[in-house]
């Protein structure tokens, strides 16, 4: 295991691999960073509580803002300032993770209150910026990704201890909801990523463990980080076999008070990434 250095990091979230670099939100730090293969880093965005990240078809970075529910975009390569893509305050008080497809569709976790299950939903922001609710009655939507062929969307339901699957319809709507994997007792699934075989790496945040899971719930491997929360993960690197682990030394009370020490660690795995959106 090798740690990437990012001074002052508090709570890393939403990792992506793109154009030879890691891209990571610091949710409590209010920044988004790019880290290249040599470990050099730069801040590409300052915004309140960034969380999920993705890339639009034109290469621009899209970020979900957790506490000011909106999506913003920034063209970091050209140094263009961030602009608001869509205001989602009419749909939720908070956003969380996000996946952006090759068509430019953004699927975003949304909720009004952590513990108000009636308010938990998944939003679809279409390329033309039209917004629809595509899933509700979900028990705290969290990590979100698509399978290699784009036909299935996978969602961590943190409060249910499972990964849920949906069929992606041609218009982007979701259908065929089903349990993809019921996870071991005590698992609270957070961020996840899909590998080239269609298996999933998923963070279990309170346990400080990252699980490699197959459809049906078989646990193939695990990486434990004692004394930390495990929030999210992403496959990348030059050969796709580097797994970036986002974790933090914090607690429930400390997190809500903004106190946390974040970590980024790399481990080598046997199965490579699919293209990270």
C-alpha atoms as a PDB file:
ATOM      1  CA  UNK A   1       0.000   0.000   0.000  1.00  0.00           C
ATOM      2  CA  UNK A   2       1.265   3.460  -0.892  1.00  0.00           C
ATOM      3  CA  UNK A   3      -0.162   6.749   0.402  1.00  0.00           C
ATOM      4  CA  UNK A   4      -0.607   9.763  -1.843  1.00  0.00           C
ATOM      5  CA  UNK A   5       0.231  13.035  -0.130  1.00  0.00           C
ATOM      6  CA  UNK A   6      -2.287  15.862  -0.251  1.00  0.00           C
ATOM      7  CA  UNK A   7      -1.569  18.359   2.557  1.00  0.00           C
ATOM      8  CA  UNK A   8      -4.571  19.458   4.601  1.00  0.00           C
ATOM      9  CA  UNK A   9      -6.899  16.818   3.170  1.00  0.00           C
ATOM     10  CA  UNK A  10      -9.951  16.364   5.395  1.00  0.00           C
ATOM     11  CA  UNK A  11     -12.544  14.089   3.810  1.00  0.00           C
ATOM     12  CA  UNK A  12     -11.811  12.667   0.335  1.00  0.00           C
ATOM     13  CA  UNK A  13     -14.785  11.686  -1.804  1.00  0.00           C
ATOM     14  CA  UNK A  14     -15.854  11.057  -5.408  1.00  0.00           C
ATOM     15  CA  UNK A  15     -12.497   9.813  -6.803  1.00  0.00           C
ATOM     16  CA  UNK A  16     -12.003   9.511 -10.560  1.00  0.00           C
ATOM     17  CA  UNK A  17      -9.106   8.556 -12.856  1.00  0.00           C
ATOM     18  CA  UNK A  18      -8.908  10.628 -16.029  1.00  0.00           C
ATOM     19  CA  UNK A  19      -6.150  11.726 -18.435  1.00  0.00           C
ATOM     20  CA  UNK A  20      -3.345  10.219 -16.361  1.00  0.00           C
ATOM     21  CA  UNK A  21      -4.458  11.828 -13.075  1.00  0.00           C
ATOM     22  CA  UNK A  22      -6.562  11.178 -10.020  1.00  0.00           C
ATOM     23  CA  UNK A  23      -9.355  13.658  -9.316  1.00  0.00           C
ATOM     24  CA  UNK A  24     -10.693  13.845  -5.749  1.00  0.00           C
ATOM     25  CA  UNK A  25     -13.166  15.997  -3.828  1.00  0.00           C
ATOM     26  CA  UNK A  26     -12.294  17.170  -0.329  1.00  0.00           C
ATOM     27  CA  UNK A  27     -15.842  17.401   0.925  1.00  0.00           C
ATOM     28  CA  UNK A  28     -15.053  19.101   4.258  1.00  0.00           C
ATOM     29  CA  UNK A  29     -12.221  21.163   2.762  1.00  0.00           C
ATOM     30  CA  UNK A  30     -14.361  22.653  -0.015  1.00  0.00           C
ATOM     31  CA  UNK A  31     -11.917  21.813  -2.810  1.00  0.00           C
ATOM     32  CA  UNK A  32     -11.389  19.452  -5.742  1.00  0.00           C
ATOM     33  CA  UNK A  33      -7.849  18.345  -6.561  1.00  0.00           C
ATOM     34  CA  UNK A  34      -6.024  16.720  -9.443  1.00  0.00           C
ATOM     35  CA  UNK A  35      -3.045  14.481  -8.583  1.00  0.00           C
ATOM     36  CA  UNK A  36      -0.803  13.224 -11.383  1.00  0.00           C
ATOM     37  CA  UNK A  37       1.083   9.953 -11.573  1.00  0.00           C
ATOM     38  CA  UNK A  38       4.183  11.523  -9.997  1.00  0.00           C
ATOM     39  CA  UNK A  39       2.212  12.783  -7.000  1.00  0.00           C
ATOM     40  CA  UNK A  40       2.140  16.455  -8.046  1.00  0.00           C
ATOM     41  CA  UNK A  41      -1.180  18.056  -7.097  1.00  0.00           C
ATOM     42  CA  UNK A  42      -3.216  21.153  -7.816  1.00  0.00           C
ATOM     43  CA  UNK A  43      -6.546  22.550  -6.699  1.00  0.00           C
ATOM     44  CA  UNK A  44      -8.896  22.841  -9.698  1.00  0.00           C
ATOM     45  CA  UNK A  45     -12.070  23.949  -7.927  1.00  0.00           C
ATOM     46  CA  UNK A  46     -13.147  25.669  -4.716  1.00  0.00           C
ATOM     47  CA  UNK A  47     -16.813  25.173  -3.895  1.00  0.00           C
ATOM     48  CA  UNK A  48     -18.871  24.383  -0.809  1.00  0.00           C
ATOM     49  CA  UNK A  49     -18.870  20.657   0.091  1.00  0.00           C
ATOM     50  CA  UNK A  50     -18.056  19.003  -3.261  1.00  0.00           C
ATOM     51  CA  UNK A  51     -18.859  15.296  -3.409  1.00  0.00           C
ATOM     52  CA  UNK A  52     -19.522  13.234  -6.544  1.00  0.00           C
ATOM     53  CA  UNK A  53     -17.398  13.922  -9.617  1.00  0.00           C
ATOM     54  CA  UNK A  54     -17.710  12.995 -13.283  1.00  0.00           C
ATOM     55  CA  UNK A  55     -16.639  14.103 -16.739  1.00  0.00           C
ATOM     56  CA  UNK A  56     -18.872  15.401 -19.514  1.00  0.00           C
ATOM     57  CA  UNK A  57     -18.405  14.333 -23.144  1.00  0.00           C
ATOM     58  CA  UNK A  58     -16.454  17.543 -23.865  1.00  0.00           C
ATOM     59  CA  UNK A  59     -13.975  16.678 -21.090  1.00  0.00           C
ATOM     60  CA  UNK A  60     -15.207  19.256 -18.569  1.00  0.00           C
ATOM     61  CA  UNK A  61     -15.324  18.224 -14.913  1.00  0.00           C
ATOM     62  CA  UNK A  62     -18.763  18.062 -13.272  1.00  0.00           C
ATOM     63  CA  UNK A  63     -19.084  18.248  -9.477  1.00  0.00           C
ATOM     64  CA  UNK A  64     -22.074  17.724  -7.188  1.00  0.00           C
ATOM     65  CA  UNK A  65     -22.261  20.204  -4.305  1.00  0.00           C
ATOM     66  CA  UNK A  66     -23.561  18.520  -1.176  1.00  0.00           C
ATOM     67  CA  UNK A  67     -24.973  21.363   0.922  1.00  0.00           C
ATOM     68  CA  UNK A  68     -25.842  23.835  -1.839  1.00  0.00           C
ATOM     69  CA  UNK A  69     -27.568  21.281  -4.060  1.00  0.00           C
ATOM     70  CA  UNK A  70     -26.380  22.068  -7.559  1.00  0.00           C
ATOM     71  CA  UNK A  71     -24.050  20.750 -10.226  1.00  0.00           C
ATOM     72  CA  UNK A  72     -21.126  22.889 -11.353  1.00  0.00           C
ATOM     73  CA  UNK A  73     -18.699  22.367 -14.217  1.00  0.00           C
ATOM     74  CA  UNK A  74     -15.146  23.516 -14.737  1.00  0.00           C
ATOM     75  CA  UNK A  75     -12.736  23.085 -17.635  1.00  0.00           C
ATOM     76  CA  UNK A  76      -9.568  22.669 -15.579  1.00  0.00           C
ATOM     77  CA  UNK A  77      -7.353  22.133 -18.634  1.00  0.00           C
ATOM     78  CA  UNK A  78      -8.242  25.589 -19.977  1.00  0.00           C
ATOM     79  CA  UNK A  79      -8.413  27.311 -16.609  1.00  0.00           C
ATOM     80  CA  UNK A  80     -12.071  28.254 -17.067  1.00  0.00           C
ATOM     81  CA  UNK A  81     -13.891  29.279 -13.888  1.00  0.00           C
ATOM     82  CA  UNK A  82     -16.659  27.079 -12.549  1.00  0.00           C
ATOM     83  CA  UNK A  83     -20.188  27.641 -13.794  1.00  0.00           C
ATOM     84  CA  UNK A  84     -23.469  26.325 -12.466  1.00  0.00           C
ATOM     85  CA  UNK A  85     -25.019  23.664 -14.694  1.00  0.00           C
ATOM     86  CA  UNK A  86     -28.266  23.132 -12.817  1.00  0.00           C
ATOM     87  CA  UNK A  87     -29.786  24.226  -9.493  1.00  0.00           C
ATOM     88  CA  UNK A  88     -31.321  21.200  -7.731  1.00  0.00           C
ATOM     89  CA  UNK A  89     -32.772  22.945  -4.679  1.00  0.00           C
ATOM     90  CA  UNK A  90     -36.262  22.173  -5.951  1.00  0.00           C
ATOM     91  CA  UNK A  91     -35.494  18.449  -5.714  1.00  0.00           C
ATOM     92  CA  UNK A  92     -33.411  18.055  -2.545  1.00  0.00           C
ATOM     93  CA  UNK A  93     -31.595  19.835   0.263  1.00  0.00           C
ATOM     94  CA  UNK A  94     -28.445  17.740  -0.158  1.00  0.00           C
ATOM     95  CA  UNK A  95     -26.590  15.812  -2.858  1.00  0.00           C
ATOM     96  CA  UNK A  96     -24.061  13.036  -2.475  1.00  0.00           C
ATOM     97  CA  UNK A  97     -22.360  10.809  -5.037  1.00  0.00           C
ATOM     98  CA  UNK A  98     -22.789  10.970  -8.816  1.00  0.00           C
ATOM     99  CA  UNK A  99     -21.963   9.093 -11.992  1.00  0.00           C
ATOM    100  CA  UNK A 100     -21.805  10.730 -15.423  1.00  0.00           C
ATOM    101  CA  UNK A 101     -22.315   8.495 -18.460  1.00  0.00           C
ATOM    102  CA  UNK A 102     -20.658   8.740 -21.861  1.00  0.00           C
ATOM    103  CA  UNK A 103     -23.864  10.381 -23.152  1.00  0.00           C
ATOM    104  CA  UNK A 104     -23.504  13.164 -20.582  1.00  0.00           C
ATOM    105  CA  UNK A 105     -26.295  11.976 -18.299  1.00  0.00           C
ATOM    106  CA  UNK A 106     -25.653  12.613 -14.604  1.00  0.00           C
ATOM    107  CA  UNK A 107     -27.230  10.331 -12.001  1.00  0.00           C
ATOM    108  CA  UNK A 108     -27.080  12.020  -8.600  1.00  0.00           C
ATOM    109  CA  UNK A 109     -27.931  10.857  -5.058  1.00  0.00           C
ATOM    110  CA  UNK A 110     -30.290  13.312  -3.343  1.00  0.00           C
ATOM    111  CA  UNK A 111     -32.045  13.666   0.011  1.00  0.00           C
ATOM    112  CA  UNK A 112     -33.513  16.230   2.390  1.00  0.00           C
ATOM    113  CA  UNK A 113     -32.346  14.675   5.662  1.00  0.00           C
ATOM    114  CA  UNK A 114     -30.040  11.738   6.418  1.00  0.00           C
ATOM    115  CA  UNK A 115     -32.716   9.949   8.424  1.00  0.00           C
ATOM    116  CA  UNK A 116     -35.848  10.944   6.513  1.00  0.00           C
ATOM    117  CA  UNK A 117     -36.076   7.898   4.254  1.00  0.00           C
ATOM    118  CA  UNK A 118     -39.046   9.348   2.386  1.00  0.00           C
ATOM    119  CA  UNK A 119     -36.751  12.059   1.041  1.00  0.00           C
ATOM    120  CA  UNK A 120     -34.055   9.724  -0.370  1.00  0.00           C
ATOM    121  CA  UNK A 121     -33.995   9.538  -4.173  1.00  0.00           C
ATOM    122  CA  UNK A 122     -31.852   9.390  -7.299  1.00  0.00           C
ATOM    123  CA  UNK A 123     -32.026  12.230  -9.818  1.00  0.00           C
ATOM    124  CA  UNK A 124     -31.239  12.172 -13.521  1.00  0.00           C
ATOM    125  CA  UNK A 125     -29.877  15.382 -15.023  1.00  0.00           C
ATOM    126  CA  UNK A 126     -30.119  15.031 -18.801  1.00  0.00           C
ATOM    127  CA  UNK A 127     -27.595  16.686 -21.144  1.00  0.00           C
ATOM    128  CA  UNK A 128     -30.149  19.399 -21.910  1.00  0.00           C
ATOM    129  CA  UNK A 129     -30.355  19.994 -18.092  1.00  0.00           C
ATOM    130  CA  UNK A 130     -33.841  18.569 -17.642  1.00  0.00           C
ATOM    131  CA  UNK A 131     -34.167  16.943 -14.204  1.00  0.00           C
ATOM    132  CA  UNK A 132     -36.277  13.916 -13.251  1.00  0.00           C
ATOM    133  CA  UNK A 133     -36.537  11.619 -10.226  1.00  0.00           C
ATOM    134  CA  UNK A 134     -35.624   8.147 -11.527  1.00  0.00           C
ATOM    135  CA  UNK A 135     -35.617   6.208  -8.224  1.00  0.00           C
ATOM    136  CA  UNK A 136     -37.179   6.765  -4.817  1.00  0.00           C
ATOM    137  CA  UNK A 137     -37.809   4.627  -1.741  1.00  0.00           C
ATOM    138  CA  UNK A 138     -34.066   4.021  -1.476  1.00  0.00           C
ATOM    139  CA  UNK A 139     -32.431   3.726   1.928  1.00  0.00           C
ATOM    140  CA  UNK A 140     -29.766   6.446   1.784  1.00  0.00           C
ATOM    141  CA  UNK A 141     -28.402   6.343  -1.777  1.00  0.00           C
ATOM    142  CA  UNK A 142     -24.619   6.532  -1.825  1.00  0.00           C
ATOM    143  CA  UNK A 143     -22.016   5.022  -4.177  1.00  0.00           C
ATOM    144  CA  UNK A 144     -23.286   4.929  -7.753  1.00  0.00           C
ATOM    145  CA  UNK A 145     -21.792   3.485 -10.944  1.00  0.00           C
ATOM    146  CA  UNK A 146     -22.667   1.826 -14.235  1.00  0.00           C
ATOM    147  CA  UNK A 147     -21.596  -1.599 -15.472  1.00  0.00           C
ATOM    148  CA  UNK A 148     -19.033  -1.897 -18.311  1.00  0.00           C
ATOM    149  CA  UNK A 149     -21.692  -2.013 -21.045  1.00  0.00           C
ATOM    150  CA  UNK A 150     -23.702   0.849 -19.536  1.00  0.00           C
ATOM    151  CA  UNK A 151     -26.882  -1.239 -19.356  1.00  0.00           C
ATOM    152  CA  UNK A 152     -27.088  -1.415 -15.559  1.00  0.00           C
ATOM    153  CA  UNK A 153     -26.791   1.187 -12.815  1.00  0.00           C
ATOM    154  CA  UNK A 154     -25.515   0.022  -9.411  1.00  0.00           C
ATOM    155  CA  UNK A 155     -26.372   1.902  -6.218  1.00  0.00           C
ATOM    156  CA  UNK A 156     -25.150   1.521  -2.639  1.00  0.00           C
ATOM    157  CA  UNK A 157     -28.062   1.705  -0.195  1.00  0.00           C
ATOM    158  CA  UNK A 158     -26.146   2.527   2.971  1.00  0.00           C
ATOM    159  CA  UNK A 159     -28.963   2.016   5.467  1.00  0.00           C
ATOM    160  CA  UNK A 160     -30.056  -1.269   3.824  1.00  0.00           C
ATOM    161  CA  UNK A 161     -26.619  -2.894   3.650  1.00  0.00           C
ATOM    162  CA  UNK A 162     -26.966  -3.785   0.000  1.00  0.00           C
ATOM    163  CA  UNK A 163     -26.055  -2.879  -3.559  1.00  0.00           C
ATOM    164  CA  UNK A 164     -29.114  -2.418  -5.755  1.00  0.00           C
ATOM    165  CA  UNK A 165     -29.227  -2.746  -9.538  1.00  0.00           C
ATOM    166  CA  UNK A 166     -31.434  -0.986 -12.101  1.00  0.00           C
ATOM    167  CA  UNK A 167     -31.755  -1.504 -15.846  1.00  0.00           C
ATOM    168  CA  UNK A 168     -30.900   1.676 -17.750  1.00  0.00           C
ATOM    169  CA  UNK A 169     -33.570   2.358 -20.373  1.00  0.00           C
ATOM    170  CA  UNK A 170     -32.758   4.051 -23.728  1.00  0.00           C
ATOM    171  CA  UNK A 171     -34.102   7.379 -22.431  1.00  0.00           C
ATOM    172  CA  UNK A 172     -31.997   7.145 -19.247  1.00  0.00           C
ATOM    173  CA  UNK A 173     -34.849   6.160 -16.960  1.00  0.00           C
ATOM    174  CA  UNK A 174     -34.373   3.242 -14.559  1.00  0.00           C
ATOM    175  CA  UNK A 175     -36.360   0.013 -14.431  1.00  0.00           C
ATOM    176  CA  UNK A 176     -36.080  -3.565 -13.180  1.00  0.00           C
ATOM    177  CA  UNK A 177     -34.984  -2.719  -9.664  1.00  0.00           C
ATOM    178  CA  UNK A 178     -33.421  -5.687  -7.846  1.00  0.00           C
ATOM    179  CA  UNK A 179     -30.901  -6.589  -5.150  1.00  0.00           C
ATOM    180  CA  UNK A 180     -27.493  -7.027  -6.810  1.00  0.00           C
ATOM    181  CA  UNK A 181     -25.723  -8.027  -3.577  1.00  0.00           C
ATOM    182  CA  UNK A 182     -26.845  -8.327   0.022  1.00  0.00           C
ATOM    183  CA  UNK A 183     -23.697  -7.476   1.969  1.00  0.00           C
ATOM    184  CA  UNK A 184     -22.397  -9.039   5.210  1.00  0.00           C
ATOM    185  CA  UNK A 185     -24.008  -7.914   8.464  1.00  0.00           C
ATOM    186  CA  UNK A 186     -22.531  -4.661   9.711  1.00  0.00           C
ATOM    187  CA  UNK A 187     -21.708  -3.386   6.219  1.00  0.00           C
ATOM    188  CA  UNK A 188     -22.725   0.194   5.440  1.00  0.00           C
ATOM    189  CA  UNK A 189     -21.884   0.539   1.730  1.00  0.00           C
ATOM    190  CA  UNK A 190     -20.596   3.895   0.587  1.00  0.00           C
ATOM    191  CA  UNK A 191     -18.667   4.698  -2.603  1.00  0.00           C
ATOM    192  CA  UNK A 192     -18.102   1.969  -5.160  1.00  0.00           C
ATOM    193  CA  UNK A 193     -16.437   1.257  -8.498  1.00  0.00           C
ATOM    194  CA  UNK A 194     -16.817  -1.496 -11.096  1.00  0.00           C
ATOM    195  CA  UNK A 195     -13.968  -3.552 -12.546  1.00  0.00           C
ATOM    196  CA  UNK A 196     -13.578  -5.069 -16.010  1.00  0.00           C
ATOM    197  CA  UNK A 197     -15.259  -8.327 -14.938  1.00  0.00           C
ATOM    198  CA  UNK A 198     -18.308  -6.497 -13.633  1.00  0.00           C
ATOM    199  CA  UNK A 199     -17.431  -7.082  -9.985  1.00  0.00           C
ATOM    200  CA  UNK A 200     -17.485  -4.197  -7.507  1.00  0.00           C
ATOM    201  CA  UNK A 201     -15.137  -2.646  -4.983  1.00  0.00           C
ATOM    202  CA  UNK A 202     -17.240  -0.957  -2.298  1.00  0.00           C
ATOM    203  CA  UNK A 203     -16.354   0.993   0.846  1.00  0.00           C
ATOM    204  CA  UNK A 204     -18.004   0.058   4.154  1.00  0.00           C
ATOM    205  CA  UNK A 205     -17.603   3.384   5.857  1.00  0.00           C
ATOM    206  CA  UNK A 206     -18.026   2.721   9.593  1.00  0.00           C
ATOM    207  CA  UNK A 207     -16.083  -0.561   9.451  1.00  0.00           C
ATOM    208  CA  UNK A 208     -13.143   1.034   7.630  1.00  0.00           C
ATOM    209  CA  UNK A 209     -13.144  -1.825   5.103  1.00  0.00           C
ATOM    210  CA  UNK A 210     -13.161  -2.018   1.308  1.00  0.00           C
ATOM    211  CA  UNK A 211     -14.846  -5.158  -0.074  1.00  0.00           C
ATOM    212  CA  UNK A 212     -14.449  -6.763  -3.510  1.00  0.00           C
ATOM    213  CA  UNK A 213     -17.904  -8.175  -4.216  1.00  0.00           C
ATOM    214  CA  UNK A 214     -19.454 -10.284  -6.967  1.00  0.00           C
ATOM    215  CA  UNK A 215     -23.107 -10.145  -7.997  1.00  0.00           C
ATOM    216  CA  UNK A 216     -25.017 -12.271  -5.513  1.00  0.00           C
ATOM    217  CA  UNK A 217     -22.919 -11.107  -2.556  1.00  0.00           C
ATOM    218  CA  UNK A 218     -19.776 -13.281  -2.661  1.00  0.00           C
ATOM    219  CA  UNK A 219     -16.878 -11.371  -1.076  1.00  0.00           C
ATOM    220  CA  UNK A 220     -13.754 -11.940  -3.184  1.00  0.00           C
ATOM    221  CA  UNK A 221     -11.273  -9.820  -1.226  1.00  0.00           C
ATOM    222  CA  UNK A 222     -11.091  -7.128   1.445  1.00  0.00           C
ATOM    223  CA  UNK A 223      -8.768  -4.310   2.492  1.00  0.00           C
ATOM    224  CA  UNK A 224      -9.092  -3.030   6.080  1.00  0.00           C
ATOM    225  CA  UNK A 225      -7.895   0.350   7.365  1.00  0.00           C
ATOM    226  CA  UNK A 226      -8.128   0.215  11.136  1.00  0.00           C
ATOM    227  CA  UNK A 227      -9.240   3.361  12.931  1.00  0.00           C
ATOM    228  CA  UNK A 228     -10.627   5.056   9.827  1.00  0.00           C
ATOM    229  CA  UNK A 229     -13.841   5.494   7.922  1.00  0.00           C
ATOM    230  CA  UNK A 230     -13.793   4.056   4.402  1.00  0.00           C
ATOM    231  CA  UNK A 231     -15.698   6.385   2.072  1.00  0.00           C
ATOM    232  CA  UNK A 232     -15.014   5.656  -1.575  1.00  0.00           C
ATOM    233  CA  UNK A 233     -12.693   4.033  -4.076  1.00  0.00           C
ATOM    234  CA  UNK A 234     -11.713   4.127  -7.732  1.00  0.00           C
ATOM    235  CA  UNK A 235      -9.715   1.944 -10.116  1.00  0.00           C
ATOM    236  CA  UNK A 236      -7.178   3.635 -12.363  1.00  0.00           C
ATOM    237  CA  UNK A 237      -3.491   4.069 -13.022  1.00  0.00           C
ATOM    238  CA  UNK A 238      -1.658   3.415 -16.259  1.00  0.00           C
ATOM    239  CA  UNK A 239      -2.783  -0.222 -16.410  1.00  0.00           C
ATOM    240  CA  UNK A 240      -6.065   0.217 -14.534  1.00  0.00           C
ATOM    241  CA  UNK A 241      -4.940  -1.975 -11.630  1.00  0.00           C
ATOM    242  CA  UNK A 242      -4.353   0.731  -9.019  1.00  0.00           C
ATOM    243  CA  UNK A 243      -7.180   0.965  -6.500  1.00  0.00           C
ATOM    244  CA  UNK A 244      -7.412   4.377  -4.828  1.00  0.00           C
ATOM    245  CA  UNK A 245      -8.873   4.177  -1.315  1.00  0.00           C
ATOM    246  CA  UNK A 246     -10.409   7.291   0.239  1.00  0.00           C
ATOM    247  CA  UNK A 247     -10.558   7.184   4.041  1.00  0.00           C
ATOM    248  CA  UNK A 248     -10.565   9.487   7.046  1.00  0.00           C
ATOM    249  CA  UNK A 249      -9.876   9.591  10.772  1.00  0.00           C
ATOM    250  CA  UNK A 250     -13.121  11.003  12.115  1.00  0.00           C
ATOM    251  CA  UNK A 251     -16.365  10.199  13.940  1.00  0.00           C
ATOM    252  CA  UNK A 252     -20.014  11.122  13.490  1.00  0.00           C
ATOM    253  CA  UNK A 253     -19.717  14.100  15.852  1.00  0.00           C
ATOM    254  CA  UNK A 254     -16.378  15.192  14.405  1.00  0.00           C
ATOM    255  CA  UNK A 255     -17.620  14.903  10.817  1.00  0.00           C
ATOM    256  CA  UNK A 256     -20.618  17.155  11.441  1.00  0.00           C
ATOM    257  CA  UNK A 257     -18.285  19.608  13.220  1.00  0.00           C
ATOM    258  CA  UNK A 258     -15.943  19.616  10.221  1.00  0.00           C
ATOM    259  CA  UNK A 259     -13.104  17.781  12.008  1.00  0.00           C
ATOM    260  CA  UNK A 260     -11.412  15.023  10.024  1.00  0.00           C
ATOM    261  CA  UNK A 261      -8.013  13.904   8.705  1.00  0.00           C
ATOM    262  CA  UNK A 262      -8.218  12.435   5.218  1.00  0.00           C
ATOM    263  CA  UNK A 263      -6.049   9.802   3.548  1.00  0.00           C
ATOM    264  CA  UNK A 264      -5.512   8.555   0.005  1.00  0.00           C
ATOM    265  CA  UNK A 265      -3.942   5.111  -0.370  1.00  0.00           C
ATOM    266  CA  UNK A 266      -3.125   3.010  -3.430  1.00  0.00           C
ATOM    267  CA  UNK A 267      -3.197  -0.773  -3.524  1.00  0.00           C
ATOM    268  CA  UNK A 268      -2.536  -3.060  -6.485  1.00  0.00           C
ATOM    269  CA  UNK A 269      -5.321  -5.393  -7.596  1.00  0.00           C
ATOM    270  CA  UNK A 270      -5.563  -8.172 -10.183  1.00  0.00           C
ATOM    271  CA  UNK A 271      -8.557  -7.001 -12.212  1.00  0.00           C
ATOM    272  CA  UNK A 272      -8.320  -3.686 -14.031  1.00  0.00           C
ATOM    273  CA  UNK A 273     -10.766  -0.839 -14.282  1.00  0.00           C
ATOM    274  CA  UNK A 274     -13.344  -0.155 -16.875  1.00  0.00           C
ATOM    275  CA  UNK A 275     -13.206   3.394 -18.163  1.00  0.00           C
ATOM    276  CA  UNK A 276     -14.000   5.698 -15.232  1.00  0.00           C
ATOM    277  CA  UNK A 277     -16.778   8.161 -16.212  1.00  0.00           C
END
